[in-house]
Amino acid sequence: MYIDSHAHLFFKDYEQDFDEVISRAKDAGIEFIVNPGTDLETSRRSIELAQQYDMIYACVGFHPHDASKASPEALKEIEKLSLHPKVVAIGEIGLDYHYDYSPRDRQREVFTTQIEIAVRRNLPIIIHSRESEPDTLEIIKLMTDKYPGWKSAGNTLQRRGVFHCFPGDAAMARTVIGWNFYISIPGPVTFMHKTKPNTMAEVVSEIPLEHILLETDSPYLTPVPLRGKRNEPANIPLIAEKIASLKNTDVQTIGTITSKNVKSLFGIS
């Protein structure tokens, strides 16, 4: 059994065949799907899907692309939505300096505010970082230092979140793992580059499975050999197969350990 730790099933890409997508996921051995919102509307929709389907869990938050829409009132509503019993994280939140759809100072402000929501709710976060790693790490370090009790249980420090579609190298992975974050691996781990190495594959080779999650980021980042088509949770085994080859183990081990990691992070059982 596998868990897709990051898919956006509320997108219009799935309107015509949603039940078939869910059926294929079950047939592929997908036990649960974690469905992060990207703004207020999609956060609400994520909760609706979680209410309708036992295997779906919701996350709520403003993606950095939509930080300009994150008014104080909307952020208060995100915190209210996080009270729902099937909301397991604040996300997808973070920084994106590739497209700059929202001003960078506003992205940083909204990212920090949403981490504070997660701290108040004692929830993990799902982090998006693209071409913004220095600022992302600076904010995460600042907030973990400011709130050392965030995601602690007695004397045990629990995982605080996950860097989705992990954007860095092995050194960065070791840094965020040291701050009690997981790293999540999507379809690009299967990509072949003619002129440069696959950094994500190199990270997987160096980092223990106990710190890794699987994700599709559906409908994006479809793994080989389906690259170019719409992605969906049923493709998780293709990612697991690649990771199994990199770790010199079997897909059952990949599924067992990564699923345990997801359940530990999000409190899913």
Protein backbone atom coordinates (compact mmCIF):
# COMPACT_ATOMS: atom_id res chain seq x y z
CA MET A 1 0.00 0.00 0.00
CA TYR A 2 1.11 3.55 -0.80
CA ILE A 3 0.08 7.06 0.21
CA ASP A 4 0.10 10.02 -2.17
CA SER A 5 1.20 12.77 0.21
CA HIS A 6 0.43 15.62 -2.21
CA ALA A 7 -2.21 15.81 -4.97
CA HIS A 8 -4.58 18.57 -6.09
CA LEU A 9 -7.74 16.67 -6.92
CA PHE A 10 -9.96 19.76 -6.79
CA PHE A 11 -8.60 21.01 -10.14
CA LYS A 12 -10.84 21.05 -13.20
CA ASP A 13 -8.58 18.42 -14.78
CA TYR A 14 -10.56 15.77 -12.85
CA GLU A 15 -14.11 17.05 -13.26
CA GLN A 16 -15.05 14.54 -15.98
CA ASP A 17 -13.66 11.35 -14.43
CA PHE A 18 -13.11 11.91 -10.73
CA ASP A 19 -14.57 8.61 -9.57
CA GLU A 20 -12.47 6.76 -12.14
CA VAL A 21 -9.35 8.52 -10.83
CA ILE A 22 -10.21 7.37 -7.31
CA SER A 23 -10.93 3.85 -8.53
CA ARG A 24 -7.58 3.65 -10.36
CA ALA A 25 -5.82 4.91 -7.25
CA LYS A 26 -7.35 2.14 -5.16
CA ASP A 27 -6.47 -0.45 -7.79
CA ALA A 28 -2.86 0.79 -7.73
CA GLY A 29 -2.66 0.24 -3.98
CA ILE A 30 -3.11 3.84 -2.86
CA GLU A 31 -4.44 3.83 0.70
CA PHE A 32 -4.76 7.57 1.30
CA ILE A 33 -4.40 10.84 -0.64
CA VAL A 34 -3.43 14.14 0.98
CA ASN A 35 -5.02 17.05 -0.87
CA PRO A 36 -3.51 20.52 -0.14
CA GLY A 37 -5.48 23.65 -0.94
CA THR A 38 -3.91 26.59 -2.75
CA ASP A 39 -6.30 29.40 -1.75
CA LEU A 40 -9.51 29.85 0.22
CA GLU A 41 -11.82 28.38 -2.45
CA THR A 42 -9.71 25.28 -3.10
CA SER A 43 -9.16 24.76 0.63
CA ARG A 44 -12.91 24.59 1.08
CA ARG A 45 -13.18 22.25 -1.89
CA SER A 46 -10.46 20.03 -0.44
CA ILE A 47 -12.48 19.65 2.74
CA GLU A 48 -15.60 18.81 0.71
CA LEU A 49 -13.71 16.01 -1.06
CA ALA A 50 -12.36 14.74 2.26
CA GLN A 51 -15.91 14.57 3.58
CA GLN A 52 -17.07 12.62 0.52
CA TYR A 53 -14.17 10.15 0.26
CA ASP A 54 -12.70 8.30 3.23
CA MET A 55 -9.28 7.98 1.57
CA ILE A 56 -8.85 11.75 1.05
CA TYR A 57 -7.47 14.10 3.71
CA ALA A 58 -7.48 17.89 3.34
CA CYS A 59 -4.97 20.67 3.91
CA VAL A 60 -5.77 24.39 3.89
CA GLY A 61 -3.67 27.37 2.97
CA PHE A 62 -2.56 29.96 0.42
CA HIS A 63 0.02 28.96 -2.18
CA PRO A 64 2.65 31.66 -2.79
CA HIS A 65 1.17 32.29 -6.24
CA ASP A 66 -2.02 33.41 -4.46
CA ALA A 67 -0.42 35.34 -1.61
CA SER A 68 -1.85 38.59 -2.98
CA LYS A 69 -5.35 37.21 -2.36
CA ALA A 70 -4.59 36.29 1.25
CA SER A 71 -6.31 39.15 3.07
CA PRO A 72 -6.37 39.14 6.88
CA GLU A 73 -9.97 37.98 6.73
CA ALA A 74 -9.11 35.13 4.35
CA LEU A 75 -6.27 33.99 6.59
CA LYS A 76 -8.62 33.99 9.58
CA GLU A 77 -10.94 31.77 7.55
CA ILE A 78 -8.05 29.41 6.78
CA GLU A 79 -7.50 29.04 10.51
CA LYS A 80 -11.19 28.32 11.06
CA LEU A 81 -11.15 25.71 8.29
CA SER A 82 -8.15 24.04 9.92
CA LEU A 83 -10.43 23.01 12.80
CA HIS A 84 -12.13 20.43 10.58
CA PRO A 85 -11.24 16.89 11.76
CA LYS A 86 -10.01 15.82 8.32
CA VAL A 87 -7.66 18.79 7.90
CA VAL A 88 -4.19 17.43 8.63
CA ALA A 89 -1.87 20.34 7.72
CA ILE A 90 -1.54 23.98 6.73
CA GLY A 91 -0.53 23.96 3.09
CA GLU A 92 0.41 24.41 0.41
CA ILE A 93 2.38 27.42 1.62
CA GLY A 94 5.80 28.88 0.91
CA LEU A 95 7.71 31.02 -1.60
CA ASP A 96 7.96 30.97 -5.39
CA TYR A 97 10.44 33.35 -7.02
CA HIS A 98 10.26 31.66 -10.43
CA TYR A 99 6.94 33.17 -11.52
CA ASP A 100 6.56 35.96 -8.94
CA TYR A 101 2.78 35.96 -9.38
CA SER A 102 2.65 37.69 -5.99
CA PRO A 103 5.18 40.27 -4.74
CA ARG A 104 8.02 38.62 -2.85
CA ASP A 105 7.56 40.68 0.30
CA ARG A 106 3.89 39.67 0.39
CA GLN A 107 4.82 36.02 -0.17
CA ARG A 108 7.17 36.13 2.82
CA GLU A 109 4.56 37.84 4.99
CA VAL A 110 1.81 35.35 4.14
CA PHE A 111 4.17 32.38 4.54
CA THR A 112 5.15 33.55 8.03
CA THR A 113 1.55 34.23 9.03
CA GLN A 114 0.46 30.77 7.93
CA ILE A 115 3.28 29.13 9.89
CA GLU A 116 1.97 30.98 12.93
CA ILE A 117 -1.47 29.49 12.23
CA ALA A 118 0.12 26.04 12.13
CA VAL A 119 1.87 26.74 15.43
CA ARG A 120 -1.38 27.80 17.12
CA ARG A 121 -3.15 24.73 15.77
CA ASN A 122 -0.12 22.46 16.39
CA LEU A 123 -0.35 21.26 12.79
CA PRO A 124 2.44 20.44 10.32
CA ILE A 125 3.02 22.52 7.20
CA ILE A 126 3.46 21.64 3.53
CA ILE A 127 6.14 23.86 2.01
CA HIS A 128 6.46 24.99 -1.61
CA SER A 129 9.86 26.48 -2.48
CA ARG A 130 10.96 27.34 -6.00
CA GLU A 131 14.07 29.41 -6.69
CA SER A 132 13.59 30.83 -3.19
CA GLU A 133 15.50 28.39 -1.00
CA PRO A 134 17.64 30.92 0.96
CA ASP A 135 14.58 32.92 2.04
CA THR A 136 12.52 29.78 2.65
CA LEU A 137 15.19 28.30 4.91
CA GLU A 138 15.68 31.62 6.70
CA ILE A 139 11.97 31.85 7.55
CA ILE A 140 11.74 28.21 8.61
CA LYS A 141 14.80 28.55 10.86
CA LEU A 142 13.43 31.76 12.37
CA MET A 143 10.05 30.19 13.12
CA THR A 144 11.39 26.93 14.51
CA ASP A 145 13.69 28.90 16.82
CA LYS A 146 10.84 31.20 17.83
CA TYR A 147 8.44 28.31 18.54
CA PRO A 148 10.55 25.40 19.83
CA GLY A 149 7.45 23.69 21.24
CA TRP A 150 5.71 23.52 17.84
CA LYS A 151 4.80 19.91 17.12
CA SER A 152 6.30 18.59 20.36
CA ALA A 153 4.69 15.80 22.35
CA GLY A 154 6.08 15.59 25.85
CA ASN A 155 9.82 15.15 25.48
CA THR A 156 9.50 13.97 21.86
CA LEU A 157 9.82 16.42 18.97
CA GLN A 158 7.48 15.41 16.16
CA ARG A 159 7.84 16.24 12.48
CA ARG A 160 6.91 19.84 11.71
CA GLY A 161 6.17 19.44 8.03
CA VAL A 162 7.41 18.46 4.61
CA PHE A 163 9.28 20.18 1.80
CA HIS A 164 7.04 19.16 -1.09
CA CYS A 165 8.68 18.43 -4.46
CA PHE A 166 12.00 18.75 -2.70
CA PRO A 167 13.94 21.53 -4.48
CA GLY A 168 17.42 21.22 -3.01
CA ASP A 169 20.51 19.06 -2.81
CA ALA A 170 21.52 16.50 -0.21
CA ALA A 171 23.08 19.13 2.03
CA MET A 172 19.80 21.07 2.15
CA ALA A 173 17.92 17.82 2.78
CA ARG A 174 20.08 17.05 5.78
CA THR A 175 19.52 20.60 7.08
CA VAL A 176 15.72 20.46 6.95
CA ILE A 177 15.66 16.91 8.31
CA GLY A 178 17.64 18.27 11.25
CA TRP A 179 14.83 20.78 11.78
CA ASN A 180 12.36 17.88 11.89
CA PHE A 181 10.97 18.10 8.37
CA TYR A 182 10.45 15.37 5.79
CA ILE A 183 11.31 15.68 2.11
CA SER A 184 8.78 14.61 -0.53
CA ILE A 185 9.69 13.05 -3.86
CA PRO A 186 7.51 13.36 -7.02
CA GLY A 187 7.75 12.24 -10.64
CA PRO A 188 10.87 14.22 -11.63
CA VAL A 189 12.97 11.64 -9.79
CA THR A 190 12.27 9.43 -12.84
CA PHE A 191 13.38 12.03 -15.41
CA MET A 192 16.53 11.50 -17.45
CA HIS A 193 18.71 14.56 -18.16
CA LYS A 194 21.09 14.46 -21.13
CA THR A 195 23.47 17.16 -19.93
CA LYS A 196 23.18 17.21 -16.13
CA PRO A 197 22.60 14.77 -13.27
CA ASN A 198 19.19 14.31 -11.66
CA THR A 199 19.71 16.11 -8.35
CA MET A 200 16.51 14.68 -6.88
CA ALA A 201 17.70 11.14 -7.60
CA GLU A 202 21.02 11.96 -5.96
CA VAL A 203 19.20 13.20 -2.85
CA VAL A 204 17.14 10.00 -2.67
CA SER A 205 20.32 7.94 -2.91
CA GLU A 206 21.88 9.75 0.05
CA ILE A 207 18.93 10.28 2.42
CA PRO A 208 17.45 7.42 4.51
CA LEU A 209 13.92 6.30 3.62
CA GLU A 210 12.79 7.23 7.12
CA HIS A 211 12.85 10.88 6.01
CA ILE A 212 11.12 10.53 2.61
CA LEU A 213 7.49 10.79 1.43
CA LEU A 214 6.02 9.97 -1.99
CA GLU A 215 3.85 12.40 -3.93
CA THR A 216 2.44 12.97 -7.40
CA ASP A 217 1.64 16.71 -7.20
CA SER A 218 -1.23 15.76 -9.52
CA PRO A 219 -2.11 16.91 -12.10
CA TYR A 220 1.51 18.00 -12.60
CA LEU A 221 4.94 16.29 -12.75
CA THR A 222 3.86 13.02 -14.34
CA PRO A 223 6.57 10.36 -14.02
CA VAL A 224 8.24 8.48 -16.85
CA PRO A 225 6.97 6.67 -18.95
CA LEU A 226 3.75 8.75 -18.81
CA ARG A 227 5.45 12.15 -18.88
CA GLY A 228 3.39 14.67 -20.82
CA LYS A 229 0.06 13.22 -19.71
CA ARG A 230 -2.14 14.32 -16.82
CA ASN A 231 -0.80 12.99 -13.54
CA GLU A 232 -2.92 11.18 -10.94
CA PRO A 233 -2.40 9.28 -7.67
CA ALA A 234 -2.40 5.89 -9.42
CA ASN A 235 1.07 6.78 -10.73
CA ILE A 236 2.68 6.64 -7.28
CA PRO A 237 4.01 3.07 -7.92
CA LEU A 238 6.13 4.42 -10.81
CA ILE A 239 7.84 6.78 -8.38
CA ALA A 240 8.23 3.99 -5.83
CA GLU A 241 9.84 1.75 -8.44
CA LYS A 242 12.45 4.39 -9.26
CA ILE A 243 13.22 5.00 -5.60
CA ALA A 244 13.46 1.24 -5.00
CA SER A 245 16.08 1.00 -7.74
CA LEU A 246 18.03 3.92 -6.27
CA LYS A 247 17.92 2.38 -2.78
CA ASN A 248 18.59 -1.17 -4.00
CA THR A 249 15.45 -2.50 -2.33
CA ASP A 250 11.92 -3.58 -3.28
CA VAL A 251 8.78 -1.50 -3.81
CA GLN A 252 7.06 -3.13 -0.83
CA THR A 253 9.72 -1.68 1.45
CA ILE A 254 9.32 1.73 -0.19
CA GLY A 255 5.56 1.63 0.28
CA THR A 256 5.72 0.46 3.88
CA ILE A 257 8.28 2.98 5.11
CA THR A 258 7.00 6.03 3.21
CA SER A 259 3.41 5.30 4.25
CA LYS A 260 4.50 5.05 7.87
CA ASN A 261 6.19 8.44 7.46
CA VAL A 262 3.04 10.06 6.06
CA LYS A 263 0.90 8.66 8.84
CA SER A 264 3.36 9.89 11.43
CA LEU A 265 3.48 13.40 9.95
CA PHE A 266 -0.23 13.92 9.39
CA GLY A 267 -1.71 11.74 12.13
CA ILE A 268 -3.53 9.60 9.58
CA SER A 269 -4.57 6.10 10.66
